[in-house]
């Protein structure tokens, strides 16, 4: 179980690379792109390759999921959900080429349950 969502390794990706991942920022997307979402930006590096990826979490989905799970909507929880999506992107190659990915509610629910205390 990944415990540090600010600085971690992920992979291997479909090409066998392991990525060092660092959180750059978490921000309300209304301020930067007029979207009702929380954006979480990560810096990824593997060898000489450095990439930036933003995982966007829709605010209405987060509010609904917070009600469903009884978890408060906090920055660490959003960071955890976004990191889980990024790890999936790295390991599967799914959406990895996209600089901005919005997480669908069904995925978000799965990541929330994955990280729920037993």
PDB file of N, CA and C in Angstrom:
ATOM      1  N   UNK A   1       0.845  -1.184   0.000  1.00  0.00           N
ATOM      2  CA  UNK A   1       0.000   0.000   0.000  1.00  0.00           C
ATOM      3  C   UNK A   1       0.888   1.245   0.000  1.00  0.00           C
ATOM      4  N   UNK A   2       0.627   2.138  -0.912  1.00  0.00           N
ATOM      5  CA  UNK A   2       1.379   3.377  -1.034  1.00  0.00           C
ATOM      6  C   UNK A   2       0.952   4.336   0.077  1.00  0.00           C
ATOM      7  N   UNK A   3       1.904   4.831   0.856  1.00  0.00           N
ATOM      8  CA  UNK A   3       1.564   5.700   1.978  1.00  0.00           C
ATOM      9  C   UNK A   3       1.969   7.152   1.766  1.00  0.00           C
ATOM     10  N   UNK A   4       2.954   7.405   0.918  1.00  0.00           N
ATOM     11  CA  UNK A   4       3.400   8.767   0.666  1.00  0.00           C
ATOM     12  C   UNK A   4       2.991   9.164  -0.743  1.00  0.00           C
ATOM     13  N   UNK A   5       1.978   9.989  -0.848  1.00  0.00           N
ATOM     14  CA  UNK A   5       1.473  10.388  -2.159  1.00  0.00           C
ATOM     15  C   UNK A   5       2.136  11.658  -2.675  1.00  0.00           C
ATOM     16  N   UNK A   6       3.143  12.143  -1.985  1.00  0.00           N
ATOM     17  CA  UNK A   6       3.874  13.325  -2.430  1.00  0.00           C
ATOM     18  C   UNK A   6       5.157  12.962  -3.170  1.00  0.00           C
ATOM     19  N   UNK A   7       5.699  11.779  -2.881  1.00  0.00           N
ATOM     20  CA  UNK A   7       6.985  11.365  -3.445  1.00  0.00           C
ATOM     21  C   UNK A   7       7.012   9.833  -3.441  1.00  0.00           C
ATOM     22  N   UNK A   8       6.958   9.230  -4.649  1.00  0.00           N
ATOM     23  CA  UNK A   8       6.904   7.771  -4.708  1.00  0.00           C
ATOM     24  C   UNK A   8       7.403   7.277  -6.059  1.00  0.00           C
ATOM     25  N   UNK A   9       7.623   6.000  -6.140  1.00  0.00           N
ATOM     26  CA  UNK A   9       7.989   5.351  -7.408  1.00  0.00           C
ATOM     27  C   UNK A   9       6.774   4.583  -7.916  1.00  0.00           C
ATOM     28  N   UNK A  10       6.610   4.552  -9.248  1.00  0.00           N
ATOM     29  CA  UNK A  10       5.492   3.830  -9.868  1.00  0.00           C
ATOM     30  C   UNK A  10       6.002   3.100 -11.105  1.00  0.00           C
ATOM     31  N   UNK A  11       5.402   1.958 -11.353  1.00  0.00           N
ATOM     32  CA  UNK A  11       5.785   1.173 -12.517  1.00  0.00           C
ATOM     33  C   UNK A  11       6.059  -0.253 -12.135  1.00  0.00           C
ATOM     34  N   UNK A  12       6.558  -0.985 -13.066  1.00  0.00           N
ATOM     35  CA  UNK A  12       7.031  -0.541 -14.377  1.00  0.00           C
ATOM     36  C   UNK A  12       5.874  -0.215 -15.322  1.00  0.00           C
ATOM     37  N   UNK A  13       6.155   0.655 -16.282  1.00  0.00           N
ATOM     38  CA  UNK A  13       5.181   0.962 -17.322  1.00  0.00           C
ATOM     39  C   UNK A  13       5.268  -0.128 -18.395  1.00  0.00           C
ATOM     40  N   UNK A  14       4.459  -0.065 -19.432  1.00  0.00           N
ATOM     41  CA  UNK A  14       4.491  -1.095 -20.480  1.00  0.00           C
ATOM     42  C   UNK A  14       5.859  -1.249 -21.169  1.00  0.00           C
ATOM     43  N   UNK A  15       6.752  -0.260 -21.001  1.00  0.00           N
ATOM     44  CA  UNK A  15       8.080  -0.332 -21.614  1.00  0.00           C
ATOM     45  C   UNK A  15       9.156  -0.711 -20.607  1.00  0.00           C
ATOM     46  N   UNK A  16       8.744  -1.053 -19.393  1.00  0.00           N
ATOM     47  CA  UNK A  16       9.673  -1.494 -18.372  1.00  0.00           C
ATOM     48  C   UNK A  16      10.301  -0.389 -17.538  1.00  0.00           C
ATOM     49  N   UNK A  17       9.872   0.863 -17.762  1.00  0.00           N
ATOM     50  CA  UNK A  17      10.445   1.978 -17.004  1.00  0.00           C
ATOM     51  C   UNK A  17       9.753   2.134 -15.647  1.00  0.00           C
ATOM     52  N   UNK A  18      10.542   2.484 -14.644  1.00  0.00           N
ATOM     53  CA  UNK A  18      10.010   2.859 -13.337  1.00  0.00           C
ATOM     54  C   UNK A  18      10.129   4.373 -13.232  1.00  0.00           C
ATOM     55  N   UNK A  19       9.076   5.009 -12.759  1.00  0.00           N
ATOM     56  CA  UNK A  19       9.010   6.468 -12.718  1.00  0.00           C
ATOM     57  C   UNK A  19       9.100   6.969 -11.281  1.00  0.00           C
ATOM     58  N   UNK A  20       9.882   8.001 -11.090  1.00  0.00           N
ATOM     59  CA  UNK A  20       9.879   8.728  -9.820  1.00  0.00           C
ATOM     60  C   UNK A  20       8.795   9.794  -9.952  1.00  0.00           C
ATOM     61  N   UNK A  21       7.895   9.852  -8.987  1.00  0.00           N
ATOM     62  CA  UNK A  21       6.758  10.767  -9.053  1.00  0.00           C
ATOM     63  C   UNK A  21       6.816  11.719  -7.860  1.00  0.00           C
ATOM     64  N   UNK A  22       6.661  12.999  -8.148  1.00  0.00           N
ATOM     65  CA  UNK A  22       6.634  14.020  -7.103  1.00  0.00           C
ATOM     66  C   UNK A  22       5.421  14.915  -7.301  1.00  0.00           C
ATOM     67  N   UNK A  23       4.721  15.182  -6.221  1.00  0.00           N
ATOM     68  CA  UNK A  23       3.599  16.107  -6.259  1.00  0.00           C
ATOM     69  C   UNK A  23       4.127  17.519  -6.460  1.00  0.00           C
ATOM     70  N   UNK A  24       3.559  18.244  -7.427  1.00  0.00           N
ATOM     71  CA  UNK A  24       3.932  19.647  -7.618  1.00  0.00           C
ATOM     72  C   UNK A  24       2.948  20.570  -6.914  1.00  0.00           C
ATOM     73  N   UNK A  25       1.648  20.346  -7.146  1.00  0.00           N
ATOM     74  CA  UNK A  25       0.638  21.148  -6.478  1.00  0.00           C
ATOM     75  C   UNK A  25      -0.745  20.519  -6.567  1.00  0.00           C
ATOM     76  N   UNK A  26      -1.612  20.989  -5.698  1.00  0.00           N
ATOM     77  CA  UNK A  26      -3.036  20.647  -5.736  1.00  0.00           C
ATOM     78  C   UNK A  26      -3.772  21.983  -5.705  1.00  0.00           C
ATOM     79  N   UNK A  27      -4.739  22.149  -6.619  1.00  0.00           N
ATOM     80  CA  UNK A  27      -5.360  23.456  -6.761  1.00  0.00           C
ATOM     81  C   UNK A  27      -6.792  23.318  -7.258  1.00  0.00           C
ATOM     82  N   UNK A  28      -7.623  24.257  -6.833  1.00  0.00           N
ATOM     83  CA  UNK A  28      -8.983  24.320  -7.360  1.00  0.00           C
ATOM     84  C   UNK A  28      -8.887  24.763  -8.815  1.00  0.00           C
ATOM     85  N   UNK A  29      -9.425  23.962  -9.714  1.00  0.00           N
ATOM     86  CA  UNK A  29      -9.276  24.221 -11.149  1.00  0.00           C
ATOM     87  C   UNK A  29     -10.067  25.428 -11.638  1.00  0.00           C
ATOM     88  N   UNK A  30     -10.998  25.919 -10.837  1.00  0.00           N
ATOM     89  CA  UNK A  30     -11.753  27.098 -11.259  1.00  0.00           C
ATOM     90  C   UNK A  30     -10.794  28.271 -11.460  1.00  0.00           C
ATOM     91  N   UNK A  31      -9.733  28.297 -10.682  1.00  0.00           N
ATOM     92  CA  UNK A  31      -8.781  29.399 -10.756  1.00  0.00           C
ATOM     93  C   UNK A  31      -7.905  29.335 -12.002  1.00  0.00           C
ATOM     94  N   UNK A  32      -7.649  28.130 -12.508  1.00  0.00           N
ATOM     95  CA  UNK A  32      -6.720  28.029 -13.624  1.00  0.00           C
ATOM     96  C   UNK A  32      -7.364  27.680 -14.954  1.00  0.00           C
ATOM     97  N   UNK A  33      -8.529  27.008 -14.913  1.00  0.00           N
ATOM     98  CA  UNK A  33      -9.143  26.666 -16.200  1.00  0.00           C
ATOM     99  C   UNK A  33     -10.676  26.688 -16.161  1.00  0.00           C
ATOM    100  N   UNK A  34     -11.224  27.397 -15.172  1.00  0.00           N
ATOM    101  CA  UNK A  34     -12.666  27.620 -15.066  1.00  0.00           C
ATOM    102  C   UNK A  34     -13.453  26.311 -15.052  1.00  0.00           C
ATOM    103  N   UNK A  35     -12.944  25.343 -14.290  1.00  0.00           N
ATOM    104  CA  UNK A  35     -13.574  24.038 -14.194  1.00  0.00           C
ATOM    105  C   UNK A  35     -13.894  23.749 -12.732  1.00  0.00           C
ATOM    106  N   UNK A  36     -15.052  23.152 -12.475  1.00  0.00           N
ATOM    107  CA  UNK A  36     -15.448  22.796 -11.114  1.00  0.00           C
ATOM    108  C   UNK A  36     -14.775  21.478 -10.750  1.00  0.00           C
ATOM    109  N   UNK A  37     -13.476  21.562 -10.498  1.00  0.00           N
ATOM    110  CA  UNK A  37     -12.682  20.367 -10.243  1.00  0.00           C
ATOM    111  C   UNK A  37     -11.486  20.724  -9.365  1.00  0.00           C
ATOM    112  N   UNK A  38     -10.864  19.685  -8.845  1.00  0.00           N
ATOM    113  CA  UNK A  38      -9.608  19.812  -8.126  1.00  0.00           C
ATOM    114  C   UNK A  38      -8.536  19.203  -9.028  1.00  0.00           C
ATOM    115  N   UNK A  39      -7.516  19.964  -9.359  1.00  0.00           N
ATOM    116  CA  UNK A  39      -6.421  19.477 -10.193  1.00  0.00           C
ATOM    117  C   UNK A  39      -5.217  19.158  -9.308  1.00  0.00           C
ATOM    118  N   UNK A  40      -4.614  18.011  -9.582  1.00  0.00           N
ATOM    119  CA  UNK A  40      -3.421  17.580  -8.848  1.00  0.00           C
ATOM    120  C   UNK A  40      -2.324  17.368  -9.892  1.00  0.00           C
ATOM    121  N   UNK A  41      -1.242  18.121  -9.761  1.00  0.00           N
ATOM    122  CA  UNK A  41      -0.174  18.066 -10.760  1.00  0.00           C
ATOM    123  C   UNK A  41       1.033  17.313 -10.194  1.00  0.00           C
ATOM    124  N   UNK A  42       1.569  16.400 -11.028  1.00  0.00           N
ATOM    125  CA  UNK A  42       2.712  15.586 -10.659  1.00  0.00           C
ATOM    126  C   UNK A  42       3.837  15.782 -11.666  1.00  0.00           C
ATOM    127  N   UNK A  43       5.072  15.650 -11.184  1.00  0.00           N
ATOM    128  CA  UNK A  43       6.251  15.624 -12.029  1.00  0.00           C
ATOM    129  C   UNK A  43       6.754  14.186 -12.033  1.00  0.00           C
ATOM    130  N   UNK A  44       6.941  13.622 -13.232  1.00  0.00           N
ATOM    131  CA  UNK A  44       7.404  12.240 -13.386  1.00  0.00           C
ATOM    132  C   UNK A  44       8.769  12.262 -14.046  1.00  0.00           C
ATOM    133  N   UNK A  45       9.673  11.429 -13.546  1.00  0.00           N
ATOM    134  CA  UNK A  45      10.978  11.337 -14.193  1.00  0.00           C
ATOM    135  C   UNK A  45      11.433   9.884 -14.233  1.00  0.00           C
ATOM    136  N   UNK A  46      12.012   9.529 -15.374  1.00  0.00           N
ATOM    137  CA  UNK A  46      12.586   8.202 -15.580  1.00  0.00           C
ATOM    138  C   UNK A  46      13.769   8.373 -16.518  1.00  0.00           C
ATOM    139  N   UNK A  47      14.958   8.177 -15.991  1.00  0.00           N
ATOM    140  CA  UNK A  47      16.145   8.412 -16.819  1.00  0.00           C
ATOM    141  C   UNK A  47      16.205   9.863 -17.239  1.00  0.00           C
ATOM    142  N   UNK A  48      16.339  10.104 -18.556  1.00  0.00           N
ATOM    143  CA  UNK A  48      16.414  11.465 -19.078  1.00  0.00           C
ATOM    144  C   UNK A  48      15.041  12.063 -19.388  1.00  0.00           C
ATOM    145  N   UNK A  49      13.977  11.282 -19.194  1.00  0.00           N
ATOM    146  CA  UNK A  49      12.631  11.741 -19.529  1.00  0.00           C
ATOM    147  C   UNK A  49      11.954  12.355 -18.306  1.00  0.00           C
ATOM    148  N   UNK A  50      11.452  13.574 -18.478  1.00  0.00           N
ATOM    149  CA  UNK A  50      10.718  14.269 -17.424  1.00  0.00           C
ATOM    150  C   UNK A  50       9.385  14.717 -18.007  1.00  0.00           C
ATOM    151  N   UNK A  51       8.291  14.383 -17.310  1.00  0.00           N
ATOM    152  CA  UNK A  51       6.951  14.711 -17.777  1.00  0.00           C
ATOM    153  C   UNK A  51       6.151  15.363 -16.657  1.00  0.00           C
ATOM    154  N   UNK A  52       5.186  16.183 -17.031  1.00  0.00           N
ATOM    155  CA  UNK A  52       4.217  16.713 -16.081  1.00  0.00           C
ATOM    156  C   UNK A  52       2.860  16.129 -16.441  1.00  0.00           C
ATOM    157  N   UNK A  53       2.123  15.703 -15.439  1.00  0.00           N
ATOM    158  CA  UNK A  53       0.781  15.167 -15.642  1.00  0.00           C
ATOM    159  C   UNK A  53      -0.148  15.769 -14.599  1.00  0.00           C
ATOM    160  N   UNK A  54      -1.358  16.137 -15.044  1.00  0.00           N
ATOM    161  CA  UNK A  54      -2.380  16.670 -14.155  1.00  0.00           C
ATOM    162  C   UNK A  54      -3.541  15.685 -14.128  1.00  0.00           C
ATOM    163  N   UNK A  55      -3.934  15.312 -12.915  1.00  0.00           N
ATOM    164  CA  UNK A  55      -5.099  14.457 -12.714  1.00  0.00           C
ATOM    165  C   UNK A  55      -6.191  15.359 -12.142  1.00  0.00           C
ATOM    166  N   UNK A  56      -7.321  15.417 -12.840  1.00  0.00           N
ATOM    167  CA  UNK A  56      -8.422  16.289 -12.463  1.00  0.00           C
ATOM    168  C   UNK A  56      -9.548  15.470 -11.842  1.00  0.00           C
ATOM    169  N   UNK A  57      -9.999  15.917 -10.669  1.00  0.00           N
ATOM    170  CA  UNK A  57     -11.075  15.256  -9.935  1.00  0.00           C
ATOM    171  C   UNK A  57     -12.270  16.200  -9.901  1.00  0.00           C
ATOM    172  N   UNK A  58     -13.379  15.785 -10.514  1.00  0.00           N
ATOM    173  CA  UNK A  58     -14.562  16.657 -10.571  1.00  0.00           C
ATOM    174  C   UNK A  58     -15.111  16.899  -9.172  1.00  0.00           C
ATOM    175  N   UNK A  59     -15.332  18.170  -8.821  1.00  0.00           N
ATOM    176  CA  UNK A  59     -15.803  18.541  -7.497  1.00  0.00           C
ATOM    177  C   UNK A  59     -17.154  17.912  -7.145  1.00  0.00           C
ATOM    178  N   UNK A  60     -18.149  17.934  -8.046  1.00  0.00           N
ATOM    179  CA  UNK A  60     -19.422  17.278  -7.698  1.00  0.00           C
ATOM    180  C   UNK A  60     -19.246  15.780  -7.387  1.00  0.00           C
ATOM    181  N   UNK A  61     -18.356  15.111  -8.126  1.00  0.00           N
ATOM    182  CA  UNK A  61     -18.094  13.691  -7.859  1.00  0.00           C
ATOM    183  C   UNK A  61     -17.444  13.500  -6.495  1.00  0.00           C
ATOM    184  N   UNK A  62     -16.504  14.383  -6.161  1.00  0.00           N
ATOM    185  CA  UNK A  62     -15.840  14.290  -4.857  1.00  0.00           C
ATOM    186  C   UNK A  62     -16.840  14.503  -3.722  1.00  0.00           C
ATOM    187  N   UNK A  63     -17.740  15.463  -3.886  1.00  0.00           N
ATOM    188  CA  UNK A  63     -18.751  15.703  -2.851  1.00  0.00           C
ATOM    189  C   UNK A  63     -19.654  14.485  -2.677  1.00  0.00           C
ATOM    190  N   UNK A  64     -20.089  13.903  -3.776  1.00  0.00           N
ATOM    191  CA  UNK A  64     -20.944  12.711  -3.705  1.00  0.00           C
ATOM    192  C   UNK A  64     -20.194  11.554  -3.047  1.00  0.00           C
ATOM    193  N   UNK A  65     -18.966  11.344  -3.454  1.00  0.00           N
ATOM    194  CA  UNK A  65     -18.156  10.260  -2.904  1.00  0.00           C
ATOM    195  C   UNK A  65     -17.875  10.489  -1.416  1.00  0.00           C
ATOM    196  N   UNK A  66     -17.689  11.715  -1.023  1.00  0.00           N
ATOM    197  CA  UNK A  66     -17.484  12.050   0.379  1.00  0.00           C
ATOM    198  C   UNK A  66     -18.723  11.672   1.202  1.00  0.00           C
ATOM    199  N   UNK A  67     -19.898  11.971   0.663  1.00  0.00           N
ATOM    200  CA  UNK A  67     -21.147  11.586   1.344  1.00  0.00           C
ATOM    201  C   UNK A  67     -21.287  10.072   1.419  1.00  0.00           C
ATOM    202  N   UNK A  68     -20.993   9.390   0.309  1.00  0.00           N
ATOM    203  CA  UNK A  68     -21.138   7.932   0.255  1.00  0.00           C
ATOM    204  C   UNK A  68     -20.200   7.217   1.220  1.00  0.00           C
ATOM    205  N   UNK A  69     -18.970   7.707   1.339  1.00  0.00           N
ATOM    206  CA  UNK A  69     -17.963   7.022   2.146  1.00  0.00           C
ATOM    207  C   UNK A  69     -17.883   7.539   3.574  1.00  0.00           C
ATOM    208  N   UNK A  70     -18.454   8.714   3.809  1.00  0.00           N
ATOM    209  CA  UNK A  70     -18.356   9.315   5.132  1.00  0.00           C
ATOM    210  C   UNK A  70     -16.998   9.951   5.393  1.00  0.00           C
ATOM    211  N   UNK A  71     -16.178  10.083   4.343  1.00  0.00           N
ATOM    212  CA  UNK A  71     -14.855  10.700   4.477  1.00  0.00           C
ATOM    213  C   UNK A  71     -14.959  12.190   4.215  1.00  0.00           C
ATOM    214  N   UNK A  72     -14.268  12.982   4.996  1.00  0.00           N
ATOM    215  CA  UNK A  72     -14.262  14.423   4.697  1.00  0.00           C
ATOM    216  C   UNK A  72     -13.470  14.690   3.421  1.00  0.00           C
ATOM    217  N   UNK A  73     -13.868  15.716   2.717  1.00  0.00           N
ATOM    218  CA  UNK A  73     -13.181  16.107   1.483  1.00  0.00           C
ATOM    219  C   UNK A  73     -11.972  16.953   1.871  1.00  0.00           C
ATOM    220  N   UNK A  74     -10.791  16.332   1.812  1.00  0.00           N
ATOM    221  CA  UNK A  74      -9.557  17.005   2.229  1.00  0.00           C
ATOM    222  C   UNK A  74      -8.527  16.948   1.111  1.00  0.00           C
ATOM    223  N   UNK A  75      -7.525  17.809   1.196  1.00  0.00           N
ATOM    224  CA  UNK A  75      -6.435  17.786   0.226  1.00  0.00           C
ATOM    225  C   UNK A  75      -5.715  16.435   0.217  1.00  0.00           C
ATOM    226  N   UNK A  76      -5.362  15.865   1.383  1.00  0.00           N
ATOM    227  CA  UNK A  76      -4.675  14.566   1.347  1.00  0.00           C
ATOM    228  C   UNK A  76      -5.498  13.469   0.668  1.00  0.00           C
ATOM    229  N   UNK A  77      -6.801  13.464   0.873  1.00  0.00           N
ATOM    230  CA  UNK A  77      -7.649  12.453   0.226  1.00  0.00           C
ATOM    231  C   UNK A  77      -7.641  12.651  -1.291  1.00  0.00           C
ATOM    232  N   UNK A  78      -7.778  13.896  -1.742  1.00  0.00           N
ATOM    233  CA  UNK A  78      -7.733  14.184  -3.186  1.00  0.00           C
ATOM    234  C   UNK A  78      -6.381  13.784  -3.775  1.00  0.00           C
ATOM    235  N   UNK A  79      -5.319  14.088  -3.051  1.00  0.00           N
ATOM    236  CA  UNK A  79      -3.978  13.734  -3.507  1.00  0.00           C
ATOM    237  C   UNK A  79      -3.846  12.218  -3.637  1.00  0.00           C
ATOM    238  N   UNK A  80      -4.390  11.493  -2.675  1.00  0.00           N
ATOM    239  CA  UNK A  80      -4.349  10.029  -2.696  1.00  0.00           C
ATOM    240  C   UNK A  80      -5.121   9.473  -3.885  1.00  0.00           C
ATOM    241  N   UNK A  81      -6.309   9.993  -4.126  1.00  0.00           N
ATOM    242  CA  UNK A  81      -7.123   9.525  -5.259  1.00  0.00           C
ATOM    243  C   UNK A  81      -6.417   9.804  -6.581  1.00  0.00           C
ATOM    244  N   UNK A  82      -5.860  11.003  -6.716  1.00  0.00           N
ATOM    245  CA  UNK A  82      -5.159  11.370  -7.953  1.00  0.00           C
ATOM    246  C   UNK A  82      -3.917  10.499  -8.161  1.00  0.00           C
ATOM    247  N   UNK A  83      -3.184  10.226  -7.091  1.00  0.00           N
ATOM    248  CA  UNK A  83      -1.986   9.388  -7.198  1.00  0.00           C
ATOM    249  C   UNK A  83      -2.354   7.979  -7.645  1.00  0.00           C
ATOM    250  N   UNK A  84      -3.456   7.455  -7.147  1.00  0.00           N
ATOM    251  CA  UNK A  84      -3.892   6.115  -7.555  1.00  0.00           C
ATOM    252  C   UNK A  84      -4.222   6.077  -9.047  1.00  0.00           C
ATOM    253  N   UNK A  85      -4.828   7.150  -9.560  1.00  0.00           N
ATOM    254  CA  UNK A  85      -5.126   7.217 -11.000  1.00  0.00           C
ATOM    255  C   UNK A  85      -3.830   7.313 -11.797  1.00  0.00           C
ATOM    256  N   UNK A  86      -2.897   8.108 -11.311  1.00  0.00           N
ATOM    257  CA  UNK A  86      -1.621   8.250 -12.004  1.00  0.00           C
ATOM    258  C   UNK A  86      -0.870   6.914 -12.044  1.00  0.00           C
ATOM    259  N   UNK A  87      -0.874   6.191 -10.951  1.00  0.00           N
ATOM    260  CA  UNK A  87      -0.215   4.883 -10.912  1.00  0.00           C
ATOM    261  C   UNK A  87      -0.833   3.962 -11.962  1.00  0.00           C
ATOM    262  N   UNK A  88      -2.152   3.971 -12.069  1.00  0.00           N
ATOM    263  CA  UNK A  88      -2.821   3.150 -13.087  1.00  0.00           C
ATOM    264  C   UNK A  88      -2.395   3.573 -14.488  1.00  0.00           C
ATOM    265  N   UNK A  89      -2.304   4.883 -14.718  1.00  0.00           N
ATOM    266  CA  UNK A  89      -1.873   5.394 -16.025  1.00  0.00           C
ATOM    267  C   UNK A  89      -0.481   4.880 -16.355  1.00  0.00           C
ATOM    268  N   UNK A  90       0.405   4.928 -15.376  1.00  0.00           N
ATOM    269  CA  UNK A  90       1.785   4.489 -15.605  1.00  0.00           C
ATOM    270  C   UNK A  90       1.835   2.995 -15.874  1.00  0.00           C
ATOM    271  N   UNK A  91       1.200   2.204 -15.027  1.00  0.00           N
ATOM    272  CA  UNK A  91       1.309   0.747 -15.128  1.00  0.00           C
ATOM    273  C   UNK A  91       0.630   0.167 -16.367  1.00  0.00           C
ATOM    274  N   UNK A  92      -0.448   0.806 -16.830  1.00  0.00           N
ATOM    275  CA  UNK A  92      -1.187   0.263 -17.971  1.00  0.00           C
ATOM    276  C   UNK A  92      -0.904   0.999 -19.280  1.00  0.00           C
ATOM    277  N   UNK A  93      -0.376   2.221 -19.183  1.00  0.00           N
ATOM    278  CA  UNK A  93      -0.188   3.043 -20.374  1.00  0.00           C
ATOM    279  C   UNK A  93      -1.470   3.761 -20.785  1.00  0.00           C
ATOM    280  N   UNK A  94      -2.561   3.492 -20.098  1.00  0.00           N
ATOM    281  CA  UNK A  94      -3.867   4.085 -20.407  1.00  0.00           C
ATOM    282  C   UNK A  94      -3.837   5.590 -20.118  1.00  0.00           C
ATOM    283  N   UNK A  95      -4.079   6.397 -21.125  1.00  0.00           N
ATOM    284  CA  UNK A  95      -4.110   7.864 -21.032  1.00  0.00           C
ATOM    285  C   UNK A  95      -2.758   8.475 -20.662  1.00  0.00           C
ATOM    286  N   UNK A  96      -1.691   7.698 -20.670  1.00  0.00           N
ATOM    287  CA  UNK A  96      -0.400   8.203 -20.220  1.00  0.00           C
ATOM    288  C   UNK A  96       0.130   9.338 -21.095  1.00  0.00           C
ATOM    289  N   UNK A  97      -0.268   9.344 -22.352  1.00  0.00           N
ATOM    290  CA  UNK A  97       0.214  10.387 -23.261  1.00  0.00           C
ATOM    291  C   UNK A  97      -0.496  11.727 -23.047  1.00  0.00           C
ATOM    292  N   UNK A  98      -1.575  11.728 -22.284  1.00  0.00           N
ATOM    293  CA  UNK A  98      -2.354  12.951 -22.070  1.00  0.00           C
ATOM    294  C   UNK A  98      -1.787  13.757 -20.911  1.00  0.00           C
ATOM    295  N   UNK A  99      -1.590  15.060 -21.105  1.00  0.00           N
ATOM    296  CA  UNK A  99      -1.074  15.884 -20.008  1.00  0.00           C
ATOM    297  C   UNK A  99      -2.120  16.164 -18.929  1.00  0.00           C
ATOM    298  N   UNK A 100      -3.409  16.056 -19.285  1.00  0.00           N
ATOM    299  CA  UNK A 100      -4.509  16.295 -18.338  1.00  0.00           C
ATOM    300  C   UNK A 100      -5.523  15.174 -18.480  1.00  0.00           C
ATOM    301  N   UNK A 101      -5.827  14.515 -17.374  1.00  0.00           N
ATOM    302  CA  UNK A 101      -6.796  13.416 -17.386  1.00  0.00           C
ATOM    303  C   UNK A 101      -7.839  13.690 -16.314  1.00  0.00           C
ATOM    304  N   UNK A 102      -9.123  13.624 -16.680  1.00  0.00           N
ATOM    305  CA  UNK A 102     -10.219  13.759 -15.723  1.00  0.00           C
ATOM    306  C   UNK A 102     -10.698  12.366 -15.338  1.00  0.00           C
ATOM    307  N   UNK A 103     -10.770  12.128 -14.039  1.00  0.00           N
ATOM    308  CA  UNK A 103     -11.148  10.815 -13.529  1.00  0.00           C
ATOM    309  C   UNK A 103     -12.672  10.693 -13.519  1.00  0.00           C
ATOM    310  N   UNK A 104     -13.160   9.593 -14.095  1.00  0.00           N
ATOM    311  CA  UNK A 104     -14.605   9.329 -14.090  1.00  0.00           C
ATOM    312  C   UNK A 104     -15.045   8.873 -12.702  1.00  0.00           C
ATOM    313  N   UNK A 105     -16.319   9.096 -12.391  1.00  0.00           N
ATOM    314  CA  UNK A 105     -16.863   8.778 -11.071  1.00  0.00           C
ATOM    315  C   UNK A 105     -16.655   7.304 -10.709  1.00  0.00           C
ATOM    316  N   UNK A 106     -16.864   6.396 -11.664  1.00  0.00           N
ATOM    317  CA  UNK A 106     -16.724   4.967 -11.359  1.00  0.00           C
ATOM    318  C   UNK A 106     -15.287   4.644 -10.931  1.00  0.00           C
ATOM    319  N   UNK A 107     -14.328   5.251 -11.620  1.00  0.00           N
ATOM    320  CA  UNK A 107     -12.917   5.056 -11.263  1.00  0.00           C
ATOM    321  C   UNK A 107     -12.628   5.639  -9.885  1.00  0.00           C
ATOM    322  N   UNK A 108     -13.124   6.835  -9.669  1.00  0.00           N
ATOM    323  CA  UNK A 108     -12.912   7.522  -8.407  1.00  0.00           C
ATOM    324  C   UNK A 108     -13.431   6.677  -7.242  1.00  0.00           C
ATOM    325  N   UNK A 109     -14.607   6.123  -7.416  1.00  0.00           N
ATOM    326  CA  UNK A 109     -15.202   5.264  -6.388  1.00  0.00           C
ATOM    327  C   UNK A 109     -14.299   4.066  -6.103  1.00  0.00           C
ATOM    328  N   UNK A 110     -13.760   3.460  -7.152  1.00  0.00           N
ATOM    329  CA  UNK A 110     -12.859   2.330  -6.983  1.00  0.00           C
ATOM    330  C   UNK A 110     -11.595   2.705  -6.229  1.00  0.00           C
ATOM    331  N   UNK A 111     -11.010   3.864  -6.538  1.00  0.00           N
ATOM    332  CA  UNK A 111      -9.803   4.312  -5.841  1.00  0.00           C
ATOM    333  C   UNK A 111     -10.106   4.616  -4.372  1.00  0.00           C
ATOM    334  N   UNK A 112     -11.289   5.169  -4.114  1.00  0.00           N
ATOM    335  CA  UNK A 112     -11.677   5.474  -2.723  1.00  0.00           C
ATOM    336  C   UNK A 112     -11.828   4.185  -1.927  1.00  0.00           C
ATOM    337  N   UNK A 113     -12.435   3.177  -2.524  1.00  0.00           N
ATOM    338  CA  UNK A 113     -12.619   1.893  -1.830  1.00  0.00           C
ATOM    339  C   UNK A 113     -11.287   1.175  -1.660  1.00  0.00           C
ATOM    340  N   UNK A 114     -10.400   1.309  -2.628  1.00  0.00           N
ATOM    341  CA  UNK A 114      -9.083   0.683  -2.587  1.00  0.00           C
ATOM    342  C   UNK A 114      -8.279   1.187  -1.395  1.00  0.00           C
ATOM    343  N   UNK A 115      -8.410   2.456  -1.105  1.00  0.00           N
ATOM    344  CA  UNK A 115      -7.636   3.057  -0.014  1.00  0.00           C
ATOM    345  C   UNK A 115      -8.395   3.165   1.289  1.00  0.00           C
ATOM    346  N   UNK A 116      -9.595   2.584   1.344  1.00  0.00           N
ATOM    347  CA  UNK A 116     -10.404   2.689   2.574  1.00  0.00           C
ATOM    348  C   UNK A 116      -9.831   1.823   3.683  1.00  0.00           C
ATOM    349  N   UNK A 117      -9.903   2.310   4.918  1.00  0.00           N
ATOM    350  CA  UNK A 117      -9.440   1.474   6.025  1.00  0.00           C
ATOM    351  C   UNK A 117     -10.298   0.228   6.152  1.00  0.00           C
ATOM    352  N   UNK A 118      -9.667  -0.883   6.513  1.00  0.00           N
ATOM    353  CA  UNK A 118     -10.383  -2.160   6.648  1.00  0.00           C
ATOM    354  C   UNK A 118     -11.093  -2.222   7.982  1.00  0.00           C
TER     355      UNK A 118
END
